[in-house]
């Protein structure tokens, strides 16, 4: 967690071979700390037996701006609503 925000990695894909390049799709690439990048790199090396230089790239999930805009519209609409009754009989 960084400033109360949690990093979410959605998936990883190998996008190049020479040198092996892995792209991590996540919610916010700025939340990936250097020590966590080293951890991921070491895990990839151990899992796949890589002994060559490896590149890691972090990219925000496509459509993030559209989701943020929709969430903003939803929150604005909720703020405009008047508090109503839960049930008709009350």
PDB file of N, CA and C in Angstrom:
ATOM      1  N   UNK A   1       0.837  -1.180   0.000  1.00  0.00           N
ATOM      2  CA  UNK A   1       0.000   0.000   0.000  1.00  0.00           C
ATOM      3  C   UNK A   1       0.884   1.246   0.000  1.00  0.00           C
ATOM      4  N   UNK A   2       0.458   2.240  -0.754  1.00  0.00           N
ATOM      5  CA  UNK A   2       1.138   3.520  -0.794  1.00  0.00           C
ATOM      6  C   UNK A   2       0.080   4.588  -0.577  1.00  0.00           C
ATOM      7  N   UNK A   3       0.226   5.366   0.481  1.00  0.00           N
ATOM      8  CA  UNK A   3      -0.725   6.426   0.822  1.00  0.00           C
ATOM      9  C   UNK A   3      -2.158   5.910   0.891  1.00  0.00           C
ATOM     10  N   UNK A   4      -2.321   4.716   1.428  1.00  0.00           N
ATOM     11  CA  UNK A   4      -3.652   4.143   1.571  1.00  0.00           C
ATOM     12  C   UNK A   4      -4.221   3.532   0.303  1.00  0.00           C
ATOM     13  N   UNK A   5      -3.461   3.520  -0.763  1.00  0.00           N
ATOM     14  CA  UNK A   5      -3.930   2.952  -2.033  1.00  0.00           C
ATOM     15  C   UNK A   5      -3.236   1.612  -2.256  1.00  0.00           C
ATOM     16  N   UNK A   6      -3.972   0.655  -2.768  1.00  0.00           N
ATOM     17  CA  UNK A   6      -3.459  -0.685  -2.981  1.00  0.00           C
ATOM     18  C   UNK A   6      -3.150  -0.913  -4.451  1.00  0.00           C
ATOM     19  N   UNK A   7      -2.006  -1.517  -4.709  1.00  0.00           N
ATOM     20  CA  UNK A   7      -1.638  -1.895  -6.068  1.00  0.00           C
ATOM     21  C   UNK A   7      -2.382  -3.169  -6.438  1.00  0.00           C
ATOM     22  N   UNK A   8      -2.969  -3.188  -7.618  1.00  0.00           N
ATOM     23  CA  UNK A   8      -3.630  -4.382  -8.132  1.00  0.00           C
ATOM     24  C   UNK A   8      -3.001  -4.725  -9.475  1.00  0.00           C
ATOM     25  N   UNK A   9      -2.438  -5.911  -9.574  1.00  0.00           N
ATOM     26  CA  UNK A   9      -1.901  -6.387 -10.850  1.00  0.00           C
ATOM     27  C   UNK A   9      -2.943  -7.313 -11.453  1.00  0.00           C
ATOM     28  N   UNK A  10      -3.431  -6.964 -12.639  1.00  0.00           N
ATOM     29  CA  UNK A  10      -4.495  -7.729 -13.274  1.00  0.00           C
ATOM     30  C   UNK A  10      -3.950  -8.906 -14.077  1.00  0.00           C
ATOM     31  N   UNK A  11      -2.920  -8.695 -14.851  1.00  0.00           N
ATOM     32  CA  UNK A  11      -2.287  -9.795 -15.569  1.00  0.00           C
ATOM     33  C   UNK A  11      -0.915  -9.385 -16.068  1.00  0.00           C
ATOM     34  N   UNK A  12      -0.144 -10.391 -16.498  1.00  0.00           N
ATOM     35  CA  UNK A  12       1.217 -10.187 -16.995  1.00  0.00           C
ATOM     36  C   UNK A  12       1.322 -10.887 -18.343  1.00  0.00           C
ATOM     37  N   UNK A  13       2.019 -10.247 -19.283  1.00  0.00           N
ATOM     38  CA  UNK A  13       2.239 -10.852 -20.601  1.00  0.00           C
ATOM     39  C   UNK A  13       3.677 -10.609 -21.019  1.00  0.00           C
ATOM     40  N   UNK A  14       4.261 -11.618 -21.667  1.00  0.00           N
ATOM     41  CA  UNK A  14       5.588 -11.434 -22.238  1.00  0.00           C
ATOM     42  C   UNK A  14       5.394 -10.796 -23.599  1.00  0.00           C
ATOM     43  N   UNK A  15       5.978  -9.601 -23.795  1.00  0.00           N
ATOM     44  CA  UNK A  15       5.742  -8.849 -25.025  1.00  0.00           C
ATOM     45  C   UNK A  15       6.937  -8.825 -25.955  1.00  0.00           C
ATOM     46  N   UNK A  16       8.111  -9.320 -25.508  1.00  0.00           N
ATOM     47  CA  UNK A  16       9.300  -9.360 -26.365  1.00  0.00           C
ATOM     48  C   UNK A  16      10.206 -10.493 -25.901  1.00  0.00           C
ATOM     49  N   UNK A  17      11.092 -10.907 -26.820  1.00  0.00           N
ATOM     50  CA  UNK A  17      11.976 -12.024 -26.500  1.00  0.00           C
ATOM     51  C   UNK A  17      13.424 -11.624 -26.264  1.00  0.00           C
ATOM     52  N   UNK A  18      13.938 -10.641 -26.968  1.00  0.00           N
ATOM     53  CA  UNK A  18      15.356 -10.333 -26.838  1.00  0.00           C
ATOM     54  C   UNK A  18      15.583  -8.896 -26.436  1.00  0.00           C
ATOM     55  N   UNK A  19      15.797  -8.569 -25.212  1.00  0.00           N
ATOM     56  CA  UNK A  19      15.718  -9.391 -24.008  1.00  0.00           C
ATOM     57  C   UNK A  19      14.262  -9.653 -23.614  1.00  0.00           C
ATOM     58  N   UNK A  20      14.026 -10.694 -22.814  1.00  0.00           N
ATOM     59  CA  UNK A  20      12.651 -10.969 -22.389  1.00  0.00           C
ATOM     60  C   UNK A  20      12.050  -9.744 -21.700  1.00  0.00           C
ATOM     61  N   UNK A  21      10.883  -9.342 -22.172  1.00  0.00           N
ATOM     62  CA  UNK A  21      10.210  -8.163 -21.622  1.00  0.00           C
ATOM     63  C   UNK A  21       8.816  -8.573 -21.179  1.00  0.00           C
ATOM     64  N   UNK A  22       8.498  -8.279 -19.940  1.00  0.00           N
ATOM     65  CA  UNK A  22       7.200  -8.612 -19.377  1.00  0.00           C
ATOM     66  C   UNK A  22       6.451  -7.329 -19.072  1.00  0.00           C
ATOM     67  N   UNK A  23       5.183  -7.289 -19.474  1.00  0.00           N
ATOM     68  CA  UNK A  23       4.349  -6.118 -19.220  1.00  0.00           C
ATOM     69  C   UNK A  23       3.298  -6.482 -18.182  1.00  0.00           C
ATOM     70  N   UNK A  24       3.271  -5.706 -17.114  1.00  0.00           N
ATOM     71  CA  UNK A  24       2.314  -5.905 -16.032  1.00  0.00           C
ATOM     72  C   UNK A  24       1.201  -4.881 -16.209  1.00  0.00           C
ATOM     73  N   UNK A  25      -0.025  -5.348 -16.291  1.00  0.00           N
ATOM     74  CA  UNK A  25      -1.179  -4.458 -16.383  1.00  0.00           C
ATOM     75  C   UNK A  25      -1.722  -4.305 -14.960  1.00  0.00           C
ATOM     76  N   UNK A  26      -1.748  -3.043 -14.488  1.00  0.00           N
ATOM     77  CA  UNK A  26      -2.140  -2.795 -13.108  1.00  0.00           C
ATOM     78  C   UNK A  26      -3.040  -1.565 -13.019  1.00  0.00           C
ATOM     79  N   UNK A  27      -3.540  -1.308 -11.812  1.00  0.00           N
ATOM     80  CA  UNK A  27      -4.448  -0.181 -11.646  1.00  0.00           C
ATOM     81  C   UNK A  27      -3.722   1.166 -11.638  1.00  0.00           C
ATOM     82  N   UNK A  28      -2.479   1.198 -11.115  1.00  0.00           N
ATOM     83  CA  UNK A  28      -1.745   2.461 -11.048  1.00  0.00           C
ATOM     84  C   UNK A  28      -0.245   2.168 -11.032  1.00  0.00           C
ATOM     85  N   UNK A  29       0.430   2.321 -12.172  1.00  0.00           N
ATOM     86  CA  UNK A  29       1.858   1.994 -12.241  1.00  0.00           C
ATOM     87  C   UNK A  29       2.738   2.793 -11.287  1.00  0.00           C
ATOM     88  N   UNK A  30       2.301   3.954 -10.860  1.00  0.00           N
ATOM     89  CA  UNK A  30       3.122   4.763  -9.955  1.00  0.00           C
ATOM     90  C   UNK A  30       3.196   4.157  -8.552  1.00  0.00           C
ATOM     91  N   UNK A  31       2.329   3.202  -8.234  1.00  0.00           N
ATOM     92  CA  UNK A  31       2.335   2.574  -6.917  1.00  0.00           C
ATOM     93  C   UNK A  31       3.366   1.451  -6.796  1.00  0.00           C
ATOM     94  N   UNK A  32       4.018   1.079  -7.901  1.00  0.00           N
ATOM     95  CA  UNK A  32       4.979  -0.019  -7.871  1.00  0.00           C
ATOM     96  C   UNK A  32       6.322   0.511  -7.356  1.00  0.00           C
ATOM     97  N   UNK A  33       6.695   0.069  -6.180  1.00  0.00           N
ATOM     98  CA  UNK A  33       7.957   0.506  -5.572  1.00  0.00           C
ATOM     99  C   UNK A  33       9.125  -0.284  -6.160  1.00  0.00           C
ATOM    100  N   UNK A  34      10.321   0.275  -6.052  1.00  0.00           N
ATOM    101  CA  UNK A  34      11.512  -0.379  -6.591  1.00  0.00           C
ATOM    102  C   UNK A  34      11.761  -1.748  -5.967  1.00  0.00           C
ATOM    103  N   UNK A  35      11.554  -1.851  -4.655  1.00  0.00           N
ATOM    104  CA  UNK A  35      11.799  -3.147  -4.015  1.00  0.00           C
ATOM    105  C   UNK A  35      10.806  -4.205  -4.511  1.00  0.00           C
ATOM    106  N   UNK A  36       9.593  -3.791  -4.850  1.00  0.00           N
ATOM    107  CA  UNK A  36       8.600  -4.743  -5.357  1.00  0.00           C
ATOM    108  C   UNK A  36       8.944  -5.151  -6.795  1.00  0.00           C
ATOM    109  N   UNK A  37       9.505  -4.220  -7.570  1.00  0.00           N
ATOM    110  CA  UNK A  37       9.958  -4.559  -8.923  1.00  0.00           C
ATOM    111  C   UNK A  37      11.063  -5.608  -8.866  1.00  0.00           C
ATOM    112  N   UNK A  38      12.005  -5.441  -7.929  1.00  0.00           N
ATOM    113  CA  UNK A  38      13.079  -6.427  -7.767  1.00  0.00           C
ATOM    114  C   UNK A  38      12.520  -7.782  -7.349  1.00  0.00           C
ATOM    115  N   UNK A  39      11.525  -7.766  -6.467  1.00  0.00           N
ATOM    116  CA  UNK A  39      10.886  -9.009  -6.033  1.00  0.00           C
ATOM    117  C   UNK A  39      10.247  -9.730  -7.222  1.00  0.00           C
ATOM    118  N   UNK A  40       9.484  -8.999  -8.029  1.00  0.00           N
ATOM    119  CA  UNK A  40       8.837  -9.605  -9.202  1.00  0.00           C
ATOM    120  C   UNK A  40       9.876 -10.150 -10.182  1.00  0.00           C
ATOM    121  N   UNK A  41      10.934  -9.386 -10.401  1.00  0.00           N
ATOM    122  CA  UNK A  41      11.999  -9.823 -11.302  1.00  0.00           C
ATOM    123  C   UNK A  41      12.636 -11.121 -10.805  1.00  0.00           C
ATOM    124  N   UNK A  42      12.939 -11.189  -9.514  1.00  0.00           N
ATOM    125  CA  UNK A  42      13.534 -12.396  -8.949  1.00  0.00           C
ATOM    126  C   UNK A  42      12.588 -13.588  -9.036  1.00  0.00           C
ATOM    127  N   UNK A  43      11.296 -13.352  -8.848  1.00  0.00           N
ATOM    128  CA  UNK A  43      10.322 -14.435  -8.965  1.00  0.00           C
ATOM    129  C   UNK A  43      10.251 -14.964 -10.398  1.00  0.00           C
ATOM    130  N   UNK A  44      10.291 -14.059 -11.383  1.00  0.00           N
ATOM    131  CA  UNK A  44      10.292 -14.482 -12.782  1.00  0.00           C
ATOM    132  C   UNK A  44      11.559 -15.276 -13.101  1.00  0.00           C
ATOM    133  N   UNK A  45      12.693 -14.801 -12.615  1.00  0.00           N
ATOM    134  CA  UNK A  45      13.961 -15.508 -12.846  1.00  0.00           C
ATOM    135  C   UNK A  45      13.924 -16.915 -12.244  1.00  0.00           C
ATOM    136  N   UNK A  46      13.438 -17.033 -11.011  1.00  0.00           N
ATOM    137  CA  UNK A  46      13.371 -18.341 -10.362  1.00  0.00           C
ATOM    138  C   UNK A  46      12.383 -19.271 -11.060  1.00  0.00           C
ATOM    139  N   UNK A  47      11.224 -18.747 -11.422  1.00  0.00           N
ATOM    140  CA  UNK A  47      10.176 -19.574 -12.022  1.00  0.00           C
ATOM    141  C   UNK A  47      10.572 -20.089 -13.392  1.00  0.00           C
ATOM    142  N   UNK A  48      11.146 -19.226 -14.223  1.00  0.00           N
ATOM    143  CA  UNK A  48      11.432 -19.596 -15.606  1.00  0.00           C
ATOM    144  C   UNK A  48      12.913 -19.876 -15.874  1.00  0.00           C
ATOM    145  N   UNK A  49      13.752 -19.797 -14.838  1.00  0.00           N
ATOM    146  CA  UNK A  49      15.171 -20.075 -15.005  1.00  0.00           C
ATOM    147  C   UNK A  49      15.875 -19.096 -15.926  1.00  0.00           C
ATOM    148  N   UNK A  50      15.511 -17.838 -15.855  1.00  0.00           N
ATOM    149  CA  UNK A  50      16.094 -16.814 -16.723  1.00  0.00           C
ATOM    150  C   UNK A  50      17.461 -16.386 -16.200  1.00  0.00           C
ATOM    151  N   UNK A  51      18.452 -16.402 -17.065  1.00  0.00           N
ATOM    152  CA  UNK A  51      19.801 -15.986 -16.688  1.00  0.00           C
ATOM    153  C   UNK A  51      20.287 -14.829 -17.566  1.00  0.00           C
ATOM    154  N   UNK A  52      19.380 -14.192 -18.265  1.00  0.00           N
ATOM    155  CA  UNK A  52      19.679 -13.067 -19.156  1.00  0.00           C
ATOM    156  C   UNK A  52      19.005 -11.815 -18.600  1.00  0.00           C
ATOM    157  N   UNK A  53      19.379 -10.639 -19.078  1.00  0.00           N
ATOM    158  CA  UNK A  53      18.690  -9.418 -18.632  1.00  0.00           C
ATOM    159  C   UNK A  53      17.195  -9.494 -18.954  1.00  0.00           C
ATOM    160  N   UNK A  54      16.397  -8.991 -18.042  1.00  0.00           N
ATOM    161  CA  UNK A  54      14.944  -9.021 -18.182  1.00  0.00           C
ATOM    162  C   UNK A  54      14.423  -7.608 -17.975  1.00  0.00           C
ATOM    163  N   UNK A  55      13.461  -7.215 -18.804  1.00  0.00           N
ATOM    164  CA  UNK A  55      12.825  -5.900 -18.652  1.00  0.00           C
ATOM    165  C   UNK A  55      11.418  -6.081 -18.093  1.00  0.00           C
ATOM    166  N   UNK A  56      11.045  -5.167 -17.222  1.00  0.00           N
ATOM    167  CA  UNK A  56       9.687  -5.134 -16.682  1.00  0.00           C
ATOM    168  C   UNK A  56       9.061  -3.797 -17.048  1.00  0.00           C
ATOM    169  N   UNK A  57       7.854  -3.850 -17.569  1.00  0.00           N
ATOM    170  CA  UNK A  57       7.105  -2.634 -17.878  1.00  0.00           C
ATOM    171  C   UNK A  57       5.782  -2.693 -17.142  1.00  0.00           C
ATOM    172  N   UNK A  58       5.341  -1.543 -16.661  1.00  0.00           N
ATOM    173  CA  UNK A  58       4.080  -1.457 -15.934  1.00  0.00           C
ATOM    174  C   UNK A  58       3.183  -0.465 -16.654  1.00  0.00           C
ATOM    175  N   UNK A  59       1.955  -0.897 -16.899  1.00  0.00           N
ATOM    176  CA  UNK A  59       1.027  -0.077 -17.669  1.00  0.00           C
ATOM    177  C   UNK A  59      -0.334  -0.091 -16.984  1.00  0.00           C
ATOM    178  N   UNK A  60      -1.005   1.049 -17.049  1.00  0.00           N
ATOM    179  CA  UNK A  60      -2.347   1.135 -16.469  1.00  0.00           C
ATOM    180  C   UNK A  60      -3.330   0.376 -17.347  1.00  0.00           C
ATOM    181  N   UNK A  61      -4.301  -0.235 -16.716  1.00  0.00           N
ATOM    182  CA  UNK A  61      -5.320  -0.982 -17.446  1.00  0.00           C
ATOM    183  C   UNK A  61      -6.077  -0.043 -18.381  1.00  0.00           C
ATOM    184  N   UNK A  62      -6.288  -0.459 -19.636  1.00  0.00           N
ATOM    185  CA  UNK A  62      -7.019   0.396 -20.579  1.00  0.00           C
ATOM    186  C   UNK A  62      -8.420   0.722 -20.060  1.00  0.00           C
ATOM    187  N   UNK A  63      -8.868   1.935 -20.351  1.00  0.00           N
ATOM    188  CA  UNK A  63     -10.212   2.345 -19.952  1.00  0.00           C
ATOM    189  C   UNK A  63     -10.282   2.921 -18.552  1.00  0.00           C
ATOM    190  N   UNK A  64      -9.156   3.137 -17.911  1.00  0.00           N
ATOM    191  CA  UNK A  64      -9.144   3.650 -16.548  1.00  0.00           C
ATOM    192  C   UNK A  64      -9.759   5.029 -16.436  1.00  0.00           C
ATOM    193  N   UNK A  65      -9.499   5.883 -17.415  1.00  0.00           N
ATOM    194  CA  UNK A  65     -10.053   7.240 -17.378  1.00  0.00           C
ATOM    195  C   UNK A  65     -11.570   7.207 -17.528  1.00  0.00           C
ATOM    196  N   UNK A  66     -12.069   6.329 -18.368  1.00  0.00           N
ATOM    197  CA  UNK A  66     -13.526   6.216 -18.549  1.00  0.00           C
ATOM    198  C   UNK A  66     -14.184   5.713 -17.266  1.00  0.00           C
ATOM    199  N   UNK A  67     -13.544   4.743 -16.586  1.00  0.00           N
ATOM    200  CA  UNK A  67     -14.097   4.240 -15.327  1.00  0.00           C
ATOM    201  C   UNK A  67     -14.089   5.322 -14.257  1.00  0.00           C
ATOM    202  N   UNK A  68     -13.010   6.114 -14.195  1.00  0.00           N
ATOM    203  CA  UNK A  68     -12.930   7.184 -13.207  1.00  0.00           C
ATOM    204  C   UNK A  68     -14.000   8.246 -13.470  1.00  0.00           C
ATOM    205  N   UNK A  69     -14.232   8.573 -14.750  1.00  0.00           N
ATOM    206  CA  UNK A  69     -15.248   9.560 -15.092  1.00  0.00           C
ATOM    207  C   UNK A  69     -16.635   9.046 -14.725  1.00  0.00           C
ATOM    208  N   UNK A  70     -16.899   7.775 -15.002  1.00  0.00           N
ATOM    209  CA  UNK A  70     -18.198   7.191 -14.670  1.00  0.00           C
ATOM    210  C   UNK A  70     -18.410   7.175 -13.160  1.00  0.00           C
ATOM    211  N   UNK A  71     -17.359   6.856 -12.404  1.00  0.00           N
ATOM    212  CA  UNK A  71     -17.464   6.858 -10.948  1.00  0.00           C
ATOM    213  C   UNK A  71     -17.746   8.274 -10.440  1.00  0.00           C
ATOM    214  N   UNK A  72     -17.113   9.277 -11.028  1.00  0.00           N
ATOM    215  CA  UNK A  72     -17.361  10.661 -10.635  1.00  0.00           C
ATOM    216  C   UNK A  72     -18.803  11.078 -10.894  1.00  0.00           C
ATOM    217  N   UNK A  73     -19.338  10.676 -12.058  1.00  0.00           N
ATOM    218  CA  UNK A  73     -20.742  10.980 -12.366  1.00  0.00           C
ATOM    219  C   UNK A  73     -21.680  10.281 -11.390  1.00  0.00           C
ATOM    220  N   UNK A  74     -21.372   9.031 -11.040  1.00  0.00           N
ATOM    221  CA  UNK A  74     -22.194   8.269 -10.106  1.00  0.00           C
ATOM    222  C   UNK A  74     -22.202   8.939  -8.737  1.00  0.00           C
ATOM    223  N   UNK A  75     -21.010   9.332  -8.268  1.00  0.00           N
ATOM    224  CA  UNK A  75     -20.925   9.978  -6.955  1.00  0.00           C
ATOM    225  C   UNK A  75     -21.648  11.320  -6.940  1.00  0.00           C
ATOM    226  N   UNK A  76     -21.550  12.073  -8.037  1.00  0.00           N
ATOM    227  CA  UNK A  76     -22.243  13.363  -8.110  1.00  0.00           C
ATOM    228  C   UNK A  76     -23.755  13.166  -8.081  1.00  0.00           C
ATOM    229  N   UNK A  77     -24.237  12.143  -8.783  1.00  0.00           N
ATOM    230  CA  UNK A  77     -25.677  11.863  -8.805  1.00  0.00           C
ATOM    231  C   UNK A  77     -26.149  11.435  -7.417  1.00  0.00           C
ATOM    232  N   UNK A  78     -25.352  10.629  -6.720  1.00  0.00           N
ATOM    233  CA  UNK A  78     -25.727  10.198  -5.368  1.00  0.00           C
ATOM    234  C   UNK A  78     -25.764  11.389  -4.414  1.00  0.00           C
ATOM    235  N   UNK A  79     -24.867  12.344  -4.586  1.00  0.00           N
ATOM    236  CA  UNK A  79     -24.819  13.512  -3.710  1.00  0.00           C
ATOM    237  C   UNK A  79     -26.031  14.410  -3.928  1.00  0.00           C
ATOM    238  N   UNK A  80     -26.561  14.429  -5.158  1.00  0.00           N
ATOM    239  CA  UNK A  80     -27.735  15.265  -5.463  1.00  0.00           C
ATOM    240  C   UNK A  80     -29.031  14.657  -4.967  1.00  0.00           C
ATOM    241  N   UNK A  81     -29.066  13.347  -4.758  1.00  0.00           N
ATOM    242  CA  UNK A  81     -30.296  12.683  -4.329  1.00  0.00           C
ATOM    243  C   UNK A  81     -30.668  13.111  -2.922  1.00  0.00           C
ATOM    244  N   UNK A  82     -31.971  13.271  -2.725  1.00  0.00           N
ATOM    245  CA  UNK A  82     -32.461  13.589  -1.391  1.00  0.00           C
ATOM    246  C   UNK A  82     -32.575  12.288  -0.605  1.00  0.00           C
ATOM    247  N   UNK A  83     -32.264  12.334   0.681  1.00  0.00           N
ATOM    248  CA  UNK A  83     -32.444  11.116   1.473  1.00  0.00           C
ATOM    249  C   UNK A  83     -33.919  10.751   1.506  1.00  0.00           C
ATOM    250  N   UNK A  84     -34.236   9.550   1.119  1.00  0.00           N
ATOM    251  CA  UNK A  84     -35.634   9.112   1.065  1.00  0.00           C
ATOM    252  C   UNK A  84     -35.920   8.049   2.088  1.00  0.00           C
ATOM    253  N   UNK A  85     -37.179   7.640   2.090  1.00  0.00           N
ATOM    254  CA  UNK A  85     -37.576   6.585   3.006  1.00  0.00           C
ATOM    255  C   UNK A  85     -37.126   5.241   2.455  1.00  0.00           C
ATOM    256  N   UNK A  86     -36.845   4.333   3.362  1.00  0.00           N
ATOM    257  CA  UNK A  86     -36.443   3.007   2.948  1.00  0.00           C
ATOM    258  C   UNK A  86     -37.620   2.169   2.462  1.00  0.00           C
ATOM    259  N   UNK A  87     -38.761   2.310   3.129  1.00  0.00           N
ATOM    260  CA  UNK A  87     -39.946   1.530   2.778  1.00  0.00           C
ATOM    261  C   UNK A  87     -41.135   2.457   2.614  1.00  0.00           C
ATOM    262  N   UNK A  88     -42.114   2.042   1.812  1.00  0.00           N
ATOM    263  CA  UNK A  88     -43.300   2.879   1.561  1.00  0.00           C
ATOM    264  C   UNK A  88     -44.089   3.138   2.843  1.00  0.00           C
ATOM    265  N   UNK A  89     -44.150   2.151   3.701  1.00  0.00           N
ATOM    266  CA  UNK A  89     -44.988   2.264   4.901  1.00  0.00           C
ATOM    267  C   UNK A  89     -44.423   3.151   5.985  1.00  0.00           C
ATOM    268  N   UNK A  90     -43.207   3.576   5.889  1.00  0.00           N
ATOM    269  CA  UNK A  90     -42.589   4.362   6.964  1.00  0.00           C
ATOM    270  C   UNK A  90     -42.898   5.829   6.832  1.00  0.00           C
TER     271      UNK A  90
END
